[in-house]
Amino acid sequence: MIRKLCLVLALTLPVSCAKKDPDAAATTATETAAAAPPAAPVAVAEPPIDLEGVAVEEEFEAEAEKELTAANLVTKVDEIEKEIGAE
């Protein structure tokens, strides 16, 4: 029984694969031709970083020495704690 089934499949498979619809082939060719190729990625140059404009630790220390005194130290610490707590 299995041999007969395999024989029938082997004989009908080439016939069914050979039958093609000419309209379907034309439609597929048209769709393939009409499809636009994907756009190539464009390389974007990053602007140079101005290292002179970046603040460094020494600049913050100098600023802190000018702004902080023994008299306003507690007030400034409280302000910083409020800013951190607000976030």
N, C-alpha and C. Protein backbone atom coordinates (compact mmCIF):
# COMPACT_ATOMS: atom_id res chain seq x y z
N MET A 1 0.83 -1.19 0.00
CA MET A 1 0.00 0.00 0.00
C MET A 1 0.88 1.26 0.00
N ILE A 2 1.92 1.25 0.81
CA ILE A 2 2.81 2.40 0.89
C ILE A 2 3.56 2.57 -0.44
N ARG A 3 3.93 1.45 -1.07
CA ARG A 3 4.61 1.53 -2.35
C ARG A 3 3.73 2.18 -3.40
N LYS A 4 2.44 1.84 -3.40
CA LYS A 4 1.51 2.41 -4.38
C LYS A 4 1.36 3.91 -4.14
N LEU A 5 1.27 4.30 -2.90
CA LEU A 5 1.13 5.72 -2.56
C LEU A 5 2.37 6.49 -2.99
N CYS A 6 3.53 5.94 -2.72
CA CYS A 6 4.78 6.59 -3.12
C CYS A 6 4.88 6.68 -4.64
N LEU A 7 4.42 5.62 -5.35
CA LEU A 7 4.46 5.63 -6.80
C LEU A 7 3.54 6.69 -7.37
N VAL A 8 2.34 6.83 -6.80
CA VAL A 8 1.39 7.84 -7.25
C VAL A 8 1.95 9.24 -7.01
N LEU A 9 2.52 9.45 -5.85
CA LEU A 9 3.11 10.76 -5.54
C LEU A 9 4.30 11.06 -6.45
N ALA A 10 5.11 10.06 -6.71
CA ALA A 10 6.27 10.26 -7.56
C ALA A 10 5.86 10.60 -8.99
N LEU A 11 4.75 10.03 -9.47
CA LEU A 11 4.30 10.30 -10.84
C LEU A 11 3.55 11.62 -10.95
N THR A 12 2.82 12.02 -9.93
CA THR A 12 2.03 13.25 -10.01
C THR A 12 2.81 14.50 -9.59
N LEU A 13 3.83 14.32 -8.83
CA LEU A 13 4.60 15.48 -8.35
C LEU A 13 5.22 16.29 -9.50
N PRO A 14 5.89 15.67 -10.45
CA PRO A 14 6.45 16.47 -11.55
C PRO A 14 5.38 17.16 -12.39
N VAL A 15 4.23 16.53 -12.55
CA VAL A 15 3.16 17.12 -13.34
C VAL A 15 2.58 18.34 -12.63
N SER A 16 2.37 18.22 -11.33
CA SER A 16 1.79 19.35 -10.59
C SER A 16 2.77 20.50 -10.46
N CYS A 17 4.05 20.21 -10.39
CA CYS A 17 5.05 21.28 -10.30
C CYS A 17 5.27 21.96 -11.65
N ALA A 18 5.06 21.26 -12.73
CA ALA A 18 5.29 21.82 -14.05
C ALA A 18 4.19 22.79 -14.46
N LYS A 19 3.00 22.65 -13.90
CA LYS A 19 1.88 23.53 -14.25
C LYS A 19 2.07 24.87 -13.57
N LYS A 20 2.17 25.93 -14.38
CA LYS A 20 2.36 27.27 -13.84
C LYS A 20 1.35 28.21 -14.46
N ASP A 21 0.97 29.18 -13.68
CA ASP A 21 0.02 30.18 -14.13
C ASP A 21 0.82 31.35 -14.72
N PRO A 22 0.67 31.66 -16.01
CA PRO A 22 1.45 32.74 -16.62
C PRO A 22 1.14 34.11 -16.03
N ASP A 23 -0.12 34.33 -15.59
CA ASP A 23 -0.48 35.61 -14.99
C ASP A 23 0.24 35.81 -13.66
N ALA A 24 0.36 34.76 -12.89
CA ALA A 24 1.02 34.85 -11.59
C ALA A 24 2.50 35.16 -11.78
N ALA A 25 3.11 34.56 -12.78
CA ALA A 25 4.53 34.81 -13.04
C ALA A 25 4.75 36.26 -13.48
N ALA A 26 3.85 36.80 -14.28
CA ALA A 26 3.98 38.18 -14.74
C ALA A 26 3.78 39.15 -13.58
N THR A 27 2.83 38.84 -12.70
CA THR A 27 2.57 39.70 -11.54
C THR A 27 3.78 39.70 -10.61
N THR A 28 4.35 38.55 -10.39
CA THR A 28 5.52 38.47 -9.51
C THR A 28 6.69 39.24 -10.09
N ALA A 29 6.89 39.14 -11.39
CA ALA A 29 7.99 39.87 -12.03
C ALA A 29 7.76 41.38 -11.94
N THR A 30 6.52 41.82 -12.10
CA THR A 30 6.20 43.24 -12.01
C THR A 30 6.41 43.75 -10.59
N GLU A 31 5.97 42.97 -9.61
CA GLU A 31 6.14 43.39 -8.22
C GLU A 31 7.63 43.47 -7.86
N THR A 32 8.40 42.54 -8.35
CA THR A 32 9.83 42.55 -8.05
C THR A 32 10.50 43.75 -8.69
N ALA A 33 10.13 44.08 -9.91
CA ALA A 33 10.73 45.21 -10.60
C ALA A 33 10.29 46.53 -9.96
N ALA A 34 9.05 46.58 -9.47
CA ALA A 34 8.53 47.82 -8.91
C ALA A 34 9.07 48.10 -7.51
N ALA A 35 9.53 47.08 -6.82
CA ALA A 35 10.03 47.28 -5.47
C ALA A 35 11.32 48.08 -5.52
N ALA A 36 11.36 49.15 -4.73
CA ALA A 36 12.54 50.02 -4.72
C ALA A 36 13.63 49.37 -3.87
N PRO A 37 14.86 49.55 -4.26
CA PRO A 37 15.95 49.01 -3.45
C PRO A 37 16.01 49.77 -2.13
N PRO A 38 16.43 49.11 -1.06
CA PRO A 38 16.49 49.80 0.23
C PRO A 38 17.52 50.93 0.20
N ALA A 39 17.20 51.98 0.91
CA ALA A 39 18.09 53.14 0.94
C ALA A 39 19.36 52.79 1.70
N ALA A 40 20.47 53.24 1.18
CA ALA A 40 21.75 53.00 1.83
C ALA A 40 21.87 53.91 3.05
N PRO A 41 22.43 53.40 4.14
CA PRO A 41 22.59 54.25 5.32
C PRO A 41 23.58 55.37 5.03
N VAL A 42 23.25 56.53 5.54
CA VAL A 42 24.08 57.71 5.31
C VAL A 42 24.92 57.95 6.57
N ALA A 43 26.20 58.08 6.39
CA ALA A 43 27.09 58.35 7.52
C ALA A 43 27.01 59.82 7.88
N VAL A 44 26.75 60.10 9.13
CA VAL A 44 26.65 61.47 9.60
C VAL A 44 27.85 61.75 10.48
N ALA A 45 28.58 62.78 10.15
CA ALA A 45 29.76 63.14 10.92
C ALA A 45 29.33 63.83 12.20
N GLU A 46 29.87 63.37 13.32
CA GLU A 46 29.55 63.98 14.59
C GLU A 46 30.35 65.28 14.74
N PRO A 47 29.74 66.30 15.31
CA PRO A 47 30.48 67.55 15.48
C PRO A 47 31.60 67.35 16.49
N PRO A 48 32.69 68.06 16.33
CA PRO A 48 33.80 67.91 17.28
C PRO A 48 33.41 68.42 18.66
N ILE A 49 33.94 67.80 19.67
CA ILE A 49 33.63 68.18 21.06
C ILE A 49 34.64 69.24 21.50
N ASP A 50 34.10 70.32 22.04
CA ASP A 50 34.96 71.40 22.53
C ASP A 50 35.39 71.06 23.95
N LEU A 51 36.59 70.53 24.10
CA LEU A 51 37.07 70.11 25.41
C LEU A 51 37.38 71.29 26.32
N GLU A 52 37.60 72.45 25.74
CA GLU A 52 37.88 73.63 26.56
C GLU A 52 36.62 74.09 27.30
N GLY A 53 35.45 73.80 26.76
CA GLY A 53 34.20 74.23 27.37
C GLY A 53 33.70 73.31 28.46
N VAL A 54 34.33 72.15 28.62
CA VAL A 54 33.91 71.19 29.65
C VAL A 54 34.54 71.57 30.98
N ALA A 55 33.69 71.70 32.00
CA ALA A 55 34.18 72.09 33.31
C ALA A 55 34.93 70.92 33.95
N VAL A 56 35.99 71.25 34.67
CA VAL A 56 36.78 70.24 35.36
C VAL A 56 36.70 70.47 36.86
N GLU A 57 37.19 69.50 37.60
CA GLU A 57 37.08 69.53 39.06
C GLU A 57 37.70 70.78 39.67
N GLU A 58 38.83 71.20 39.14
CA GLU A 58 39.52 72.37 39.70
C GLU A 58 38.66 73.62 39.60
N GLU A 59 37.90 73.74 38.51
CA GLU A 59 37.03 74.92 38.34
C GLU A 59 35.92 74.91 39.39
N PHE A 60 35.37 73.71 39.69
CA PHE A 60 34.33 73.64 40.71
C PHE A 60 34.88 73.93 42.10
N GLU A 61 36.09 73.48 42.35
CA GLU A 61 36.70 73.75 43.66
C GLU A 61 36.93 75.24 43.86
N ALA A 62 37.41 75.90 42.84
CA ALA A 62 37.65 77.34 42.95
C ALA A 62 36.34 78.09 43.18
N GLU A 63 35.30 77.69 42.49
CA GLU A 63 33.99 78.32 42.65
C GLU A 63 33.44 78.07 44.05
N ALA A 64 33.60 76.84 44.55
CA ALA A 64 33.10 76.49 45.89
C ALA A 64 33.84 77.28 46.97
N GLU A 65 35.13 77.46 46.80
CA GLU A 65 35.90 78.22 47.80
C GLU A 65 35.41 79.67 47.88
N LYS A 66 34.97 80.23 46.76
CA LYS A 66 34.48 81.60 46.76
C LYS A 66 33.08 81.69 47.37
N GLU A 67 32.22 80.73 47.07
CA GLU A 67 30.83 80.79 47.51
C GLU A 67 30.62 80.30 48.94
N LEU A 68 31.36 79.30 49.36
CA LEU A 68 31.15 78.72 50.69
C LEU A 68 32.05 79.38 51.73
N THR A 69 31.40 79.77 52.82
CA THR A 69 32.13 80.31 53.96
C THR A 69 31.63 79.56 55.19
N ALA A 70 32.27 79.79 56.31
CA ALA A 70 31.85 79.13 57.54
C ALA A 70 30.45 79.59 57.95
N ALA A 71 30.10 80.81 57.62
CA ALA A 71 28.81 81.36 58.02
C ALA A 71 27.65 80.76 57.21
N ASN A 72 27.84 80.48 55.90
CA ASN A 72 26.73 80.00 55.09
C ASN A 72 26.84 78.51 54.73
N LEU A 73 27.74 77.79 55.36
CA LEU A 73 27.96 76.38 55.02
C LEU A 73 26.71 75.53 55.28
N VAL A 74 26.08 75.72 56.43
CA VAL A 74 24.90 74.92 56.78
C VAL A 74 23.76 75.24 55.82
N THR A 75 23.59 76.49 55.47
CA THR A 75 22.53 76.90 54.54
C THR A 75 22.74 76.27 53.17
N LYS A 76 23.97 76.30 52.66
CA LYS A 76 24.27 75.72 51.34
C LYS A 76 24.06 74.20 51.34
N VAL A 77 24.45 73.54 52.43
CA VAL A 77 24.25 72.09 52.52
C VAL A 77 22.76 71.77 52.52
N ASP A 78 21.97 72.54 53.23
CA ASP A 78 20.52 72.33 53.25
C ASP A 78 19.92 72.52 51.85
N GLU A 79 20.40 73.54 51.11
CA GLU A 79 19.92 73.77 49.74
C GLU A 79 20.24 72.58 48.83
N ILE A 80 21.44 72.05 48.95
CA ILE A 80 21.84 70.91 48.13
C ILE A 80 21.00 69.68 48.49
N GLU A 81 20.75 69.46 49.78
CA GLU A 81 19.93 68.32 50.19
C GLU A 81 18.51 68.44 49.66
N LYS A 82 17.97 69.66 49.62
CA LYS A 82 16.61 69.87 49.06
C LYS A 82 16.59 69.56 47.57
N GLU A 83 17.64 69.98 46.85
CA GLU A 83 17.72 69.69 45.41
C GLU A 83 17.78 68.19 45.16
N ILE A 84 18.59 67.50 45.95
CA ILE A 84 18.71 66.06 45.77
C ILE A 84 17.41 65.36 46.15
N GLY A 85 16.77 65.84 47.20
CA GLY A 85 15.50 65.23 47.63
C GLY A 85 14.37 65.46 46.64
N ALA A 86 14.41 66.56 45.89
CA ALA A 86 13.37 66.89 44.93
C ALA A 86 13.42 65.96 43.73
N GLU A 87 14.58 65.42 43.43
CA GLU A 87 14.73 64.52 42.27
C GLU A 87 14.18 63.22 42.65
